[in-house]
């Protein structure tokens, strides 16, 4: 990786950062009493054009979707390296794969659930899956699913996403459990993220991804515990590729929350475990706080860009920061729509870059 290739892009991205909402901006939005007041306040921000085109306040998701698409397009036009955005698009690629396979299994049309930030060739994957003899999918030939057509990529016989889909469907065909299909694609998602991180050639991004896998595995373990399920279910759901061996989660599975915190004290993710988990809280509250810590972990990686004059991290930070901003706005807007307490809303807000 040649950092000099990102000098111009980094300068442009620093200018874009000036339009990000600060923590104080978000806290001021929480102080408003209604959804319409929050949207009116946002009319002085980068969201103004989308807000002007809004028919009803309750359709605020359109604003957030439009802003995220604009942000991706902005960085896409700025970057010299498509690998940077590929890493972030994986979330939407695998979301789209899940929608596609859900249609296959349930024999339904979920075209409205596709996210066009994904960039894999769903039409090609659909066509190839229809040719698979192992699973009956002939009904799809009669479905008119709009979500496939916009992609129109060249046929790629070695498309890894097709292989992920085939593997997940094969697992489901044996177990008939939709959860197994989800688990298979989740494992493939993090495997692909690690491959993307190595392709970008950033050691810190690989470290961050491996730590995220550890945090996701911890969250999975707590969810299994909360349902009083057994270690076998845990082992089937754990993801490979993190720093913490899967066997370690077996060892701490039966421990109480405070013991788990101590057991993980020497791990990279210790800071986030300590901030999130507490034996005096309910399991549901621990899971909510751990989810928040996972998002904060991402922002901590993003802040590395502050220390750099130029480089791919600067461009990546903008996407991370914009996605965190949109998540915070969604929390605020949902809270206003449902008249939730302001203190509760503030507690749920994620860390911000600004």
Protein backbone atom coordinates (compact mmCIF):
# COMPACT_ATOMS: atom_id res chain seq x y z
CA UNK A 1 0.00 0.00 0.00
CA UNK A 2 1.35 3.41 -0.99
CA UNK A 3 0.08 6.10 1.37
CA UNK A 4 1.01 8.82 -1.10
CA UNK A 5 -1.91 7.67 -3.24
CA UNK A 6 -4.29 8.99 -0.56
CA UNK A 7 -2.94 12.51 -0.10
CA UNK A 8 -5.55 14.23 -2.29
CA UNK A 9 -8.37 12.04 -1.04
CA UNK A 10 -7.43 12.67 2.59
CA UNK A 11 -7.45 16.46 2.08
CA UNK A 12 -10.93 16.29 0.53
CA UNK A 13 -12.21 13.97 3.26
CA UNK A 14 -11.01 16.31 6.01
CA UNK A 15 -13.29 18.93 4.46
CA UNK A 16 -16.22 16.48 4.46
CA UNK A 17 -15.64 15.87 8.17
CA UNK A 18 -16.66 19.45 8.89
CA UNK A 19 -20.25 18.48 8.11
CA UNK A 20 -20.38 15.62 10.62
CA UNK A 21 -22.65 16.15 13.62
CA UNK A 22 -20.80 16.55 16.91
CA UNK A 23 -21.71 15.00 20.24
CA UNK A 24 -23.09 18.39 21.32
CA UNK A 25 -25.21 18.57 18.16
CA UNK A 26 -26.76 15.20 18.95
CA UNK A 27 -27.39 16.09 22.57
CA UNK A 28 -29.17 19.28 21.47
CA UNK A 29 -31.39 17.20 19.20
CA UNK A 30 -32.33 15.01 22.16
CA UNK A 31 -33.55 18.14 23.97
CA UNK A 32 -36.29 18.72 21.41
CA UNK A 33 -39.72 17.43 22.32
CA UNK A 34 -41.01 16.06 19.03
CA UNK A 35 -39.99 14.30 15.84
CA UNK A 36 -40.89 17.31 13.70
CA UNK A 37 -38.72 19.62 15.84
CA UNK A 38 -35.71 17.33 15.41
CA UNK A 39 -36.19 17.18 11.64
CA UNK A 40 -36.59 20.93 11.49
CA UNK A 41 -33.30 21.36 13.37
CA UNK A 42 -31.59 18.99 10.93
CA UNK A 43 -32.69 21.21 8.04
CA UNK A 44 -29.54 23.27 8.62
CA UNK A 45 -27.29 20.22 8.11
CA UNK A 46 -26.26 17.96 5.23
CA UNK A 47 -29.66 16.27 5.58
CA UNK A 48 -31.56 19.35 4.38
CA UNK A 49 -32.23 18.22 0.81
CA UNK A 50 -33.62 14.84 1.87
CA UNK A 51 -35.78 16.47 4.54
CA UNK A 52 -37.26 18.87 1.98
CA UNK A 53 -38.35 15.88 -0.12
CA UNK A 54 -39.95 14.09 2.81
CA UNK A 55 -43.72 13.58 2.64
CA UNK A 56 -44.27 12.59 6.25
CA UNK A 57 -42.06 12.97 9.33
CA UNK A 58 -42.58 9.29 10.13
CA UNK A 59 -40.74 8.37 6.91
CA UNK A 60 -37.43 9.60 8.34
CA UNK A 61 -35.69 6.36 7.32
CA UNK A 62 -35.60 7.74 3.77
CA UNK A 63 -33.50 10.65 5.02
CA UNK A 64 -31.01 8.35 6.72
CA UNK A 65 -30.79 6.02 3.72
CA UNK A 66 -30.25 8.90 1.31
CA UNK A 67 -27.49 10.38 3.46
CA UNK A 68 -25.64 7.09 3.78
CA UNK A 69 -25.79 6.49 0.02
CA UNK A 70 -24.46 10.00 -0.62
CA UNK A 71 -21.59 9.38 1.81
CA UNK A 72 -20.58 6.15 0.09
CA UNK A 73 -20.73 7.86 -3.29
CA UNK A 74 -18.61 10.71 -1.98
CA UNK A 75 -15.83 8.43 -0.76
CA UNK A 76 -16.14 6.23 -3.85
CA UNK A 77 -15.40 9.28 -6.01
CA UNK A 78 -12.57 10.35 -3.70
CA UNK A 79 -10.72 7.08 -3.15
CA UNK A 80 -8.22 5.50 -5.48
CA UNK A 81 -8.86 2.07 -3.98
CA UNK A 82 -12.18 0.22 -4.22
CA UNK A 83 -11.04 -2.20 -1.49
CA UNK A 84 -11.70 0.47 1.13
CA UNK A 85 -15.42 0.57 0.48
CA UNK A 86 -15.59 -3.18 -0.21
CA UNK A 87 -14.82 -3.78 3.45
CA UNK A 88 -17.83 -1.70 4.52
CA UNK A 89 -20.14 -2.95 1.79
CA UNK A 90 -19.83 -6.53 3.07
CA UNK A 91 -22.48 -5.81 5.70
CA UNK A 92 -24.98 -5.00 2.97
CA UNK A 93 -23.80 -7.79 0.67
CA UNK A 94 -24.45 -10.41 3.32
CA UNK A 95 -27.73 -8.77 4.30
CA UNK A 96 -28.81 -9.14 0.67
CA UNK A 97 -27.68 -12.77 0.61
CA UNK A 98 -29.83 -13.46 3.67
CA UNK A 99 -32.83 -11.84 2.00
CA UNK A 100 -32.28 -13.87 -1.17
CA UNK A 101 -32.05 -17.17 0.70
CA UNK A 102 -35.04 -16.26 2.86
CA UNK A 103 -37.04 -15.86 -0.34
CA UNK A 104 -35.88 -19.26 -1.52
CA UNK A 105 -36.79 -21.00 1.71
CA UNK A 106 -40.08 -19.24 2.35
CA UNK A 107 -41.17 -19.01 -1.29
CA UNK A 108 -41.90 -15.30 -0.90
CA UNK A 109 -40.88 -12.05 -2.57
CA UNK A 110 -38.90 -9.71 -0.28
CA UNK A 111 -37.68 -7.28 -2.94
CA UNK A 112 -38.31 -4.31 -0.65
CA UNK A 113 -35.78 -5.63 1.88
CA UNK A 114 -32.73 -5.46 -0.38
CA UNK A 115 -30.15 -2.76 0.31
CA UNK A 116 -28.56 -1.23 -2.76
CA UNK A 117 -25.35 -0.35 -0.92
CA UNK A 118 -24.46 -3.97 -1.56
CA UNK A 119 -22.65 -4.53 -4.85
CA UNK A 120 -22.69 -8.27 -5.48
CA UNK A 121 -24.40 -9.78 -8.52
CA UNK A 122 -27.62 -11.12 -7.03
CA UNK A 123 -29.06 -11.87 -10.47
CA UNK A 124 -26.14 -14.19 -11.22
CA UNK A 125 -26.33 -15.86 -7.80
CA UNK A 126 -30.07 -16.36 -8.23
CA UNK A 127 -29.58 -17.94 -11.66
CA UNK A 128 -26.89 -20.31 -10.38
CA UNK A 129 -28.92 -21.34 -7.36
CA UNK A 130 -31.86 -22.15 -9.60
CA UNK A 131 -29.62 -24.64 -11.40
CA UNK A 132 -28.73 -26.46 -8.20
CA UNK A 133 -30.36 -29.91 -8.10
CA UNK A 134 -29.92 -30.48 -4.38
CA UNK A 135 -32.61 -28.01 -3.33
CA UNK A 136 -35.97 -27.33 -4.96
CA UNK A 137 -36.07 -23.72 -6.09
CA UNK A 138 -38.03 -23.89 -9.37
CA UNK A 139 -40.70 -21.59 -7.95
CA UNK A 140 -38.24 -18.67 -8.16
CA UNK A 141 -38.40 -18.79 -11.95
CA UNK A 142 -41.86 -17.24 -11.77
CA UNK A 143 -41.00 -14.53 -9.25
CA UNK A 144 -40.40 -10.96 -10.35
CA UNK A 145 -37.89 -9.71 -7.78
CA UNK A 146 -36.76 -6.18 -8.54
CA UNK A 147 -33.84 -6.28 -6.14
CA UNK A 148 -31.73 -8.41 -8.44
CA UNK A 149 -31.64 -6.40 -11.61
CA UNK A 150 -29.75 -3.19 -10.64
CA UNK A 151 -26.51 -5.07 -10.09
CA UNK A 152 -25.91 -6.56 -13.55
CA UNK A 153 -22.28 -7.51 -12.96
CA UNK A 154 -20.32 -9.79 -15.27
CA UNK A 155 -20.79 -13.50 -14.65
CA UNK A 156 -18.10 -14.77 -12.33
CA UNK A 157 -17.88 -18.55 -12.02
CA UNK A 158 -15.66 -18.20 -8.93
CA UNK A 159 -17.96 -15.75 -7.15
CA UNK A 160 -17.29 -16.36 -3.42
CA UNK A 161 -20.75 -15.09 -2.49
CA UNK A 162 -22.33 -17.83 -4.57
CA UNK A 163 -20.27 -20.37 -2.64
CA UNK A 164 -21.34 -18.82 0.67
CA UNK A 165 -24.98 -19.06 -0.43
CA UNK A 166 -24.63 -22.67 -1.56
CA UNK A 167 -22.96 -23.68 1.70
CA UNK A 168 -25.64 -21.97 3.79
CA UNK A 169 -28.45 -23.58 1.79
CA UNK A 170 -26.77 -26.97 2.08
CA UNK A 171 -26.60 -26.63 5.86
CA UNK A 172 -30.24 -25.58 5.99
CA UNK A 173 -31.25 -28.47 3.75
CA UNK A 174 -29.88 -30.87 6.37
CA UNK A 175 -31.17 -29.18 9.54
CA UNK A 176 -34.28 -27.37 8.26
CA UNK A 177 -33.43 -24.69 10.84
CA UNK A 178 -33.31 -21.11 9.44
CA UNK A 179 -31.02 -20.13 12.31
CA UNK A 180 -28.33 -22.46 10.94
CA UNK A 181 -28.49 -20.63 7.62
CA UNK A 182 -28.01 -17.28 9.40
CA UNK A 183 -25.06 -18.64 11.38
CA UNK A 184 -23.39 -19.95 8.23
CA UNK A 185 -23.63 -16.56 6.52
CA UNK A 186 -22.46 -14.72 9.65
CA UNK A 187 -19.34 -16.89 9.74
CA UNK A 188 -18.75 -16.25 6.04
CA UNK A 189 -19.21 -12.51 6.61
CA UNK A 190 -16.40 -12.27 9.15
CA UNK A 191 -14.18 -14.54 7.08
CA UNK A 192 -14.66 -12.16 4.15
CA UNK A 193 -13.99 -9.11 6.34
CA UNK A 194 -10.63 -10.56 7.36
CA UNK A 195 -9.81 -11.19 3.69
CA UNK A 196 -10.80 -7.61 2.82
CA UNK A 197 -8.68 -6.22 5.64
CA UNK A 198 -5.64 -8.11 4.37
CA UNK A 199 -6.33 -6.89 0.82
CA UNK A 200 -6.30 -3.28 2.04
CA UNK A 201 -2.99 -4.10 3.75
CA UNK A 202 -3.66 -2.30 7.04
CA UNK A 203 -2.41 -4.15 10.11
CA UNK A 204 -4.63 -2.09 12.42
CA UNK A 205 -7.73 -2.95 10.40
CA UNK A 206 -6.95 -6.65 10.68
CA UNK A 207 -6.44 -6.26 14.44
CA UNK A 208 -9.71 -4.38 14.76
CA UNK A 209 -11.57 -7.06 12.78
CA UNK A 210 -10.18 -9.87 14.92
CA UNK A 211 -11.14 -7.99 18.09
CA UNK A 212 -14.63 -7.46 16.71
CA UNK A 213 -14.95 -11.20 16.15
CA UNK A 214 -14.03 -11.72 19.82
CA UNK A 215 -16.70 -9.24 20.91
CA UNK A 216 -19.32 -10.83 18.66
CA UNK A 217 -18.44 -14.28 20.05
CA UNK A 218 -18.80 -12.92 23.57
CA UNK A 219 -22.22 -11.51 22.70
CA UNK A 220 -23.18 -14.87 21.19
CA UNK A 221 -22.09 -16.66 24.36
CA UNK A 222 -24.18 -14.35 26.55
CA UNK A 223 -27.23 -14.83 24.35
CA UNK A 224 -26.86 -18.61 24.56
CA UNK A 225 -26.52 -18.32 28.34
CA UNK A 226 -29.61 -16.13 28.53
CA UNK A 227 -31.67 -18.85 26.85
CA UNK A 228 -30.27 -21.57 29.16
CA UNK A 229 -28.97 -23.40 26.10
CA UNK A 230 -25.97 -25.71 26.10
CA UNK A 231 -22.35 -25.55 24.96
CA UNK A 232 -23.20 -27.46 21.79
CA UNK A 233 -25.37 -24.58 20.59
CA UNK A 234 -22.62 -22.14 21.52
CA UNK A 235 -19.97 -24.05 19.57
CA UNK A 236 -22.13 -24.17 16.46
CA UNK A 237 -22.48 -20.37 16.50
CA UNK A 238 -18.94 -19.21 17.40
CA UNK A 239 -16.97 -17.51 14.62
CA UNK A 240 -13.40 -18.37 13.67
CA UNK A 241 -10.66 -15.80 13.20
CA UNK A 242 -10.56 -13.85 16.47
CA UNK A 243 -7.73 -13.64 18.98
CA UNK A 244 -9.60 -15.66 21.59
CA UNK A 245 -9.74 -19.37 20.86
CA UNK A 246 -13.22 -20.84 20.69
CA UNK A 247 -12.29 -23.28 23.46
CA UNK A 248 -11.86 -20.33 25.84
CA UNK A 249 -15.55 -19.51 25.48
CA UNK A 250 -16.33 -23.10 26.45
CA UNK A 251 -14.26 -22.62 29.60
CA UNK A 252 -16.05 -19.45 30.73
CA UNK A 253 -19.52 -20.41 29.51
CA UNK A 254 -20.76 -21.52 32.93
CA UNK A 255 -19.18 -18.62 34.82
CA UNK A 256 -21.15 -15.74 36.32
CA UNK A 257 -20.85 -12.33 34.65
CA UNK A 258 -18.29 -10.92 37.09
CA UNK A 259 -16.16 -14.06 36.71
CA UNK A 260 -16.30 -13.69 32.92
CA UNK A 261 -15.00 -10.12 33.23
CA UNK A 262 -12.04 -11.36 35.30
CA UNK A 263 -11.37 -14.28 32.93
CA UNK A 264 -11.08 -11.90 29.98
CA UNK A 265 -8.94 -9.32 31.81
CA UNK A 266 -5.82 -10.10 29.74
CA UNK A 267 -7.54 -10.04 26.36
CA UNK A 268 -7.44 -7.16 23.85
CA UNK A 269 -11.17 -6.57 24.32
CA UNK A 270 -10.90 -6.19 28.11
CA UNK A 271 -11.69 -2.46 28.05
CA UNK A 272 -15.01 -3.06 26.29
CA UNK A 273 -15.89 -6.02 28.49
CA UNK A 274 -15.31 -4.00 31.66
CA UNK A 275 -17.37 -1.08 30.33
CA UNK A 276 -20.29 -3.28 29.35
CA UNK A 277 -20.66 -6.20 31.76
CA UNK A 278 -21.68 -6.09 35.39
CA UNK A 279 -23.07 -8.89 37.55
CA UNK A 280 -25.54 -6.49 39.17
CA UNK A 281 -27.32 -5.92 35.86
CA UNK A 282 -29.81 -8.18 34.12
CA UNK A 283 -28.61 -10.26 31.20
CA UNK A 284 -30.72 -8.17 28.83
CA UNK A 285 -29.07 -5.00 30.09
CA UNK A 286 -25.61 -6.55 29.79
CA UNK A 287 -26.36 -7.51 26.19
CA UNK A 288 -27.58 -3.99 25.38
CA UNK A 289 -24.49 -2.44 26.91
CA UNK A 290 -22.20 -4.90 25.15
CA UNK A 291 -23.84 -3.98 21.83
CA UNK A 292 -23.07 -0.34 22.59
CA UNK A 293 -19.46 -1.23 23.47
CA UNK A 294 -19.07 -3.04 20.14
CA UNK A 295 -20.10 0.15 18.35
CA UNK A 296 -17.73 2.18 20.54
CA UNK A 297 -14.94 -0.24 19.63
CA UNK A 298 -15.49 0.69 15.99
CA UNK A 299 -15.27 4.39 16.79
CA UNK A 300 -12.03 3.81 18.68
CA UNK A 301 -10.55 2.35 15.50
CA UNK A 302 -11.91 5.32 13.58
CA UNK A 303 -10.11 7.75 15.87
CA UNK A 304 -6.77 6.43 14.65
CA UNK A 305 -7.35 8.63 11.62
CA UNK A 306 -7.01 11.72 13.79
CA UNK A 307 -3.34 10.89 14.26
CA UNK A 308 -2.66 10.64 10.53
CA UNK A 309 -2.09 13.39 8.01
CA UNK A 310 -3.16 11.19 5.12
CA UNK A 311 -3.85 7.56 4.31
CA UNK A 312 -6.73 5.14 3.70
CA UNK A 313 -7.68 5.38 7.38
CA UNK A 314 -8.83 8.98 6.85
CA UNK A 315 -11.31 7.92 4.16
CA UNK A 316 -12.46 4.87 6.09
CA UNK A 317 -12.98 6.98 9.19
CA UNK A 318 -15.47 9.15 7.33
CA UNK A 319 -17.67 6.15 6.50
CA UNK A 320 -17.42 4.79 10.06
CA UNK A 321 -18.26 8.21 11.48
CA UNK A 322 -21.18 8.75 9.12
CA UNK A 323 -22.64 5.32 9.92
CA UNK A 324 -22.30 6.05 13.65
CA UNK A 325 -23.95 9.42 13.14
CA UNK A 326 -26.87 7.84 11.30
CA UNK A 327 -27.26 5.18 13.99
CA UNK A 328 -27.39 7.92 16.63
CA UNK A 329 -29.94 9.88 14.63
CA UNK A 330 -32.07 6.74 14.29
CA UNK A 331 -31.97 6.29 18.08
CA UNK A 332 -33.06 9.91 18.56
CA UNK A 333 -35.80 9.81 15.92
CA UNK A 334 -37.22 6.51 17.17
CA UNK A 335 -37.21 7.91 20.70
CA UNK A 336 -39.12 11.03 19.61
CA UNK A 337 -41.61 8.99 17.61
CA UNK A 338 -42.31 6.84 20.66
CA UNK A 339 -42.07 9.60 23.30
CA UNK A 340 -39.23 7.89 25.15
CA UNK A 341 -37.48 9.67 28.06
CA UNK A 342 -34.57 11.94 27.13
CA UNK A 343 -32.27 10.35 29.69
CA UNK A 344 -32.90 6.92 28.18
CA UNK A 345 -32.09 8.28 24.71
CA UNK A 346 -28.83 9.86 25.88
CA UNK A 347 -27.74 6.58 27.49
CA UNK A 348 -28.19 4.74 24.20
CA UNK A 349 -26.19 7.18 22.05
CA UNK A 350 -22.95 5.83 20.62
CA UNK A 351 -19.55 7.50 20.66
CA UNK A 352 -18.90 10.03 17.91
CA UNK A 353 -15.79 11.06 16.01
CA UNK A 354 -16.41 14.80 16.41
